[in-house]
Protein backbone atom coordinates (compact mmCIF):
# COMPACT_ATOMS: atom_id res chain seq x y z
CA UNK A 1 0.00 0.00 0.00
CA UNK A 2 1.44 3.38 -0.95
CA UNK A 3 2.11 6.19 1.47
CA UNK A 4 -0.73 8.28 0.05
CA UNK A 5 -3.17 5.42 0.57
CA UNK A 6 -1.98 5.08 4.20
CA UNK A 7 -2.58 8.80 4.76
CA UNK A 8 -6.06 8.75 3.24
CA UNK A 9 -7.02 5.53 5.04
CA UNK A 10 -5.64 6.90 8.32
CA UNK A 11 -7.63 10.10 7.91
CA UNK A 12 -10.85 8.18 7.30
CA UNK A 13 -10.24 5.87 10.28
CA UNK A 14 -9.36 8.87 12.46
CA UNK A 15 -12.59 10.64 11.50
CA UNK A 16 -14.63 7.52 12.21
CA UNK A 17 -12.93 7.05 15.59
CA UNK A 18 -13.62 10.67 16.54
CA UNK A 19 -17.27 10.18 15.51
CA UNK A 20 -17.62 7.06 17.66
CA UNK A 21 -16.04 8.48 20.84
CA UNK A 22 -18.38 10.95 22.59
CA UNK A 23 -17.17 14.33 23.73
CA UNK A 24 -14.97 16.99 22.24
CA UNK A 25 -11.53 16.05 20.99
CA UNK A 26 -9.33 19.07 20.48
CA UNK A 27 -7.29 17.90 17.51
CA UNK A 28 -6.91 19.09 13.96
CA UNK A 29 -6.65 17.29 10.64
CA UNK A 30 -3.02 16.28 11.09
CA UNK A 31 -3.59 14.76 14.53
CA UNK A 32 -6.73 13.01 13.28
CA UNK A 33 -4.70 11.50 10.44
CA UNK A 34 -1.88 10.43 12.77
CA UNK A 35 -4.45 8.91 15.14
CA UNK A 36 -5.95 6.91 12.28
CA UNK A 37 -2.56 5.74 10.99
CA UNK A 38 -1.42 4.65 14.46
CA UNK A 39 -4.74 2.93 15.09
CA UNK A 40 -4.46 1.20 11.73
CA UNK A 41 -1.00 -0.07 12.51
CA UNK A 42 -1.90 -1.36 15.96
CA UNK A 43 -5.42 -2.61 15.29
CA UNK A 44 -4.72 -3.96 11.82
CA UNK A 45 -1.80 -6.07 12.98
CA UNK A 46 -3.72 -7.42 15.97
CA UNK A 47 -6.84 -8.19 13.90
CA UNK A 48 -4.80 -9.87 11.18
CA UNK A 49 -2.94 -11.93 13.76
CA UNK A 50 -6.20 -13.08 15.34
CA UNK A 51 -7.85 -13.90 12.03
CA UNK A 52 -4.75 -15.50 10.54
CA UNK A 53 -4.87 -13.24 7.49
CA UNK A 54 -2.28 -11.32 5.55
CA UNK A 55 -1.25 -7.95 7.00
CA UNK A 56 -0.58 -6.28 3.64
CA UNK A 57 -3.94 -6.69 1.90
CA UNK A 58 -7.30 -5.11 2.60
CA UNK A 59 -9.53 -7.25 4.77
CA UNK A 60 -12.69 -6.42 6.70
CA UNK A 61 -11.05 -7.65 9.93
CA UNK A 62 -8.18 -5.24 9.32
CA UNK A 63 -10.59 -2.35 8.80
CA UNK A 64 -12.54 -3.15 11.97
CA UNK A 65 -9.31 -3.72 13.89
CA UNK A 66 -7.98 -0.38 12.66
CA UNK A 67 -11.10 1.39 13.87
CA UNK A 68 -10.96 -0.33 17.26
CA UNK A 69 -7.26 0.49 17.58
CA UNK A 70 -7.90 4.17 16.80
CA UNK A 71 -10.80 4.33 19.27
CA UNK A 72 -8.64 2.80 22.00
CA UNK A 73 -5.82 5.27 21.28
CA UNK A 74 -8.29 8.15 21.33
CA UNK A 75 -9.70 7.03 24.69
CA UNK A 76 -6.20 6.67 26.14
CA UNK A 77 -5.26 10.13 24.88
CA UNK A 78 -8.47 11.57 26.33
CA UNK A 79 -7.77 10.10 29.76
CA UNK A 80 -4.14 11.21 29.69
CA UNK A 81 -4.89 14.82 28.74
CA UNK A 82 -8.04 15.54 30.73
CA UNK A 83 -7.66 18.04 33.56
CA UNK A 84 -7.25 16.58 37.00
CA UNK A 85 -9.38 17.75 39.92
CA UNK A 86 -7.62 18.64 43.11
CA UNK A 87 -8.84 16.97 46.24
CA UNK A 88 -9.02 19.44 49.09
C-alpha atoms as a PDB file:
ATOM      1  CA  UNK A   1       0.000   0.000   0.000  1.00  0.00           C
ATOM      2  CA  UNK A   2       1.441   3.375  -0.947  1.00  0.00           C
ATOM      3  CA  UNK A   3       2.107   6.195   1.469  1.00  0.00           C
ATOM      4  CA  UNK A   4      -0.731   8.279   0.053  1.00  0.00           C
ATOM      5  CA  UNK A   5      -3.171   5.419   0.574  1.00  0.00           C
ATOM      6  CA  UNK A   6      -1.979   5.079   4.201  1.00  0.00           C
ATOM      7  CA  UNK A   7      -2.576   8.797   4.761  1.00  0.00           C
ATOM      8  CA  UNK A   8      -6.065   8.747   3.237  1.00  0.00           C
ATOM      9  CA  UNK A   9      -7.024   5.531   5.036  1.00  0.00           C
ATOM     10  CA  UNK A  10      -5.637   6.904   8.323  1.00  0.00           C
ATOM     11  CA  UNK A  11      -7.628  10.103   7.914  1.00  0.00           C
ATOM     12  CA  UNK A  12     -10.853   8.176   7.300  1.00  0.00           C
ATOM     13  CA  UNK A  13     -10.241   5.869  10.278  1.00  0.00           C
ATOM     14  CA  UNK A  14      -9.360   8.867  12.459  1.00  0.00           C
ATOM     15  CA  UNK A  15     -12.587  10.637  11.503  1.00  0.00           C
ATOM     16  CA  UNK A  16     -14.630   7.518  12.207  1.00  0.00           C
ATOM     17  CA  UNK A  17     -12.927   7.051  15.587  1.00  0.00           C
ATOM     18  CA  UNK A  18     -13.623  10.669  16.541  1.00  0.00           C
ATOM     19  CA  UNK A  19     -17.273  10.185  15.514  1.00  0.00           C
ATOM     20  CA  UNK A  20     -17.615   7.055  17.664  1.00  0.00           C
ATOM     21  CA  UNK A  21     -16.042   8.481  20.839  1.00  0.00           C
ATOM     22  CA  UNK A  22     -18.378  10.945  22.587  1.00  0.00           C
ATOM     23  CA  UNK A  23     -17.172  14.331  23.729  1.00  0.00           C
ATOM     24  CA  UNK A  24     -14.966  16.993  22.241  1.00  0.00           C
ATOM     25  CA  UNK A  25     -11.534  16.047  20.985  1.00  0.00           C
ATOM     26  CA  UNK A  26      -9.330  19.069  20.476  1.00  0.00           C
ATOM     27  CA  UNK A  27      -7.295  17.901  17.505  1.00  0.00           C
ATOM     28  CA  UNK A  28      -6.912  19.095  13.956  1.00  0.00           C
ATOM     29  CA  UNK A  29      -6.648  17.294  10.644  1.00  0.00           C
ATOM     30  CA  UNK A  30      -3.018  16.279  11.085  1.00  0.00           C
ATOM     31  CA  UNK A  31      -3.590  14.757  14.533  1.00  0.00           C
ATOM     32  CA  UNK A  32      -6.725  13.014  13.276  1.00  0.00           C
ATOM     33  CA  UNK A  33      -4.704  11.503  10.436  1.00  0.00           C
ATOM     34  CA  UNK A  34      -1.884  10.430  12.766  1.00  0.00           C
ATOM     35  CA  UNK A  35      -4.448   8.911  15.135  1.00  0.00           C
ATOM     36  CA  UNK A  36      -5.948   6.910  12.279  1.00  0.00           C
ATOM     37  CA  UNK A  37      -2.561   5.742  10.993  1.00  0.00           C
ATOM     38  CA  UNK A  38      -1.417   4.650  14.464  1.00  0.00           C
ATOM     39  CA  UNK A  39      -4.741   2.926  15.089  1.00  0.00           C
ATOM     40  CA  UNK A  40      -4.465   1.201  11.732  1.00  0.00           C
ATOM     41  CA  UNK A  41      -1.004  -0.073  12.515  1.00  0.00           C
ATOM     42  CA  UNK A  42      -1.905  -1.363  15.958  1.00  0.00           C
ATOM     43  CA  UNK A  43      -5.424  -2.606  15.290  1.00  0.00           C
ATOM     44  CA  UNK A  44      -4.716  -3.961  11.821  1.00  0.00           C
ATOM     45  CA  UNK A  45      -1.797  -6.071  12.976  1.00  0.00           C
ATOM     46  CA  UNK A  46      -3.721  -7.416  15.973  1.00  0.00           C
ATOM     47  CA  UNK A  47      -6.840  -8.185  13.898  1.00  0.00           C
ATOM     48  CA  UNK A  48      -4.800  -9.875  11.176  1.00  0.00           C
ATOM     49  CA  UNK A  49      -2.937 -11.931  13.759  1.00  0.00           C
ATOM     50  CA  UNK A  50      -6.200 -13.076  15.343  1.00  0.00           C
ATOM     51  CA  UNK A  51      -7.854 -13.902  12.029  1.00  0.00           C
ATOM     52  CA  UNK A  52      -4.753 -15.495  10.537  1.00  0.00           C
ATOM     53  CA  UNK A  53      -4.873 -13.243   7.487  1.00  0.00           C
ATOM     54  CA  UNK A  54      -2.278 -11.316   5.545  1.00  0.00           C
ATOM     55  CA  UNK A  55      -1.253  -7.950   6.998  1.00  0.00           C
ATOM     56  CA  UNK A  56      -0.576  -6.275   3.639  1.00  0.00           C
ATOM     57  CA  UNK A  57      -3.940  -6.691   1.898  1.00  0.00           C
ATOM     58  CA  UNK A  58      -7.304  -5.115   2.596  1.00  0.00           C
ATOM     59  CA  UNK A  59      -9.528  -7.246   4.773  1.00  0.00           C
ATOM     60  CA  UNK A  60     -12.692  -6.420   6.705  1.00  0.00           C
ATOM     61  CA  UNK A  61     -11.055  -7.651   9.925  1.00  0.00           C
ATOM     62  CA  UNK A  62      -8.184  -5.237   9.324  1.00  0.00           C
ATOM     63  CA  UNK A  63     -10.591  -2.346   8.803  1.00  0.00           C
ATOM     64  CA  UNK A  64     -12.537  -3.150  11.966  1.00  0.00           C
ATOM     65  CA  UNK A  65      -9.315  -3.718  13.891  1.00  0.00           C
ATOM     66  CA  UNK A  66      -7.980  -0.381  12.660  1.00  0.00           C
ATOM     67  CA  UNK A  67     -11.100   1.392  13.866  1.00  0.00           C
ATOM     68  CA  UNK A  68     -10.963  -0.330  17.257  1.00  0.00           C
ATOM     69  CA  UNK A  69      -7.262   0.491  17.578  1.00  0.00           C
ATOM     70  CA  UNK A  70      -7.895   4.165  16.798  1.00  0.00           C
ATOM     71  CA  UNK A  71     -10.800   4.334  19.272  1.00  0.00           C
ATOM     72  CA  UNK A  72      -8.636   2.800  22.000  1.00  0.00           C
ATOM     73  CA  UNK A  73      -5.819   5.270  21.276  1.00  0.00           C
ATOM     74  CA  UNK A  74      -8.290   8.151  21.333  1.00  0.00           C
ATOM     75  CA  UNK A  75      -9.704   7.027  24.688  1.00  0.00           C
ATOM     76  CA  UNK A  76      -6.202   6.671  26.142  1.00  0.00           C
ATOM     77  CA  UNK A  77      -5.262  10.132  24.877  1.00  0.00           C
ATOM     78  CA  UNK A  78      -8.470  11.566  26.333  1.00  0.00           C
ATOM     79  CA  UNK A  79      -7.773  10.100  29.758  1.00  0.00           C
ATOM     80  CA  UNK A  80      -4.137  11.210  29.687  1.00  0.00           C
ATOM     81  CA  UNK A  81      -4.893  14.820  28.738  1.00  0.00           C
ATOM     82  CA  UNK A  82      -8.037  15.542  30.733  1.00  0.00           C
ATOM     83  CA  UNK A  83      -7.659  18.044  33.562  1.00  0.00           C
ATOM     84  CA  UNK A  84      -7.245  16.577  37.000  1.00  0.00           C
ATOM     85  CA  UNK A  85      -9.381  17.746  39.922  1.00  0.00           C
ATOM     86  CA  UNK A  86      -7.618  18.637  43.108  1.00  0.00           C
ATOM     87  CA  UNK A  87      -8.844  16.968  46.238  1.00  0.00           C
ATOM     88  CA  UNK A  88      -9.024  19.441  49.091  1.00  0.00           C
END
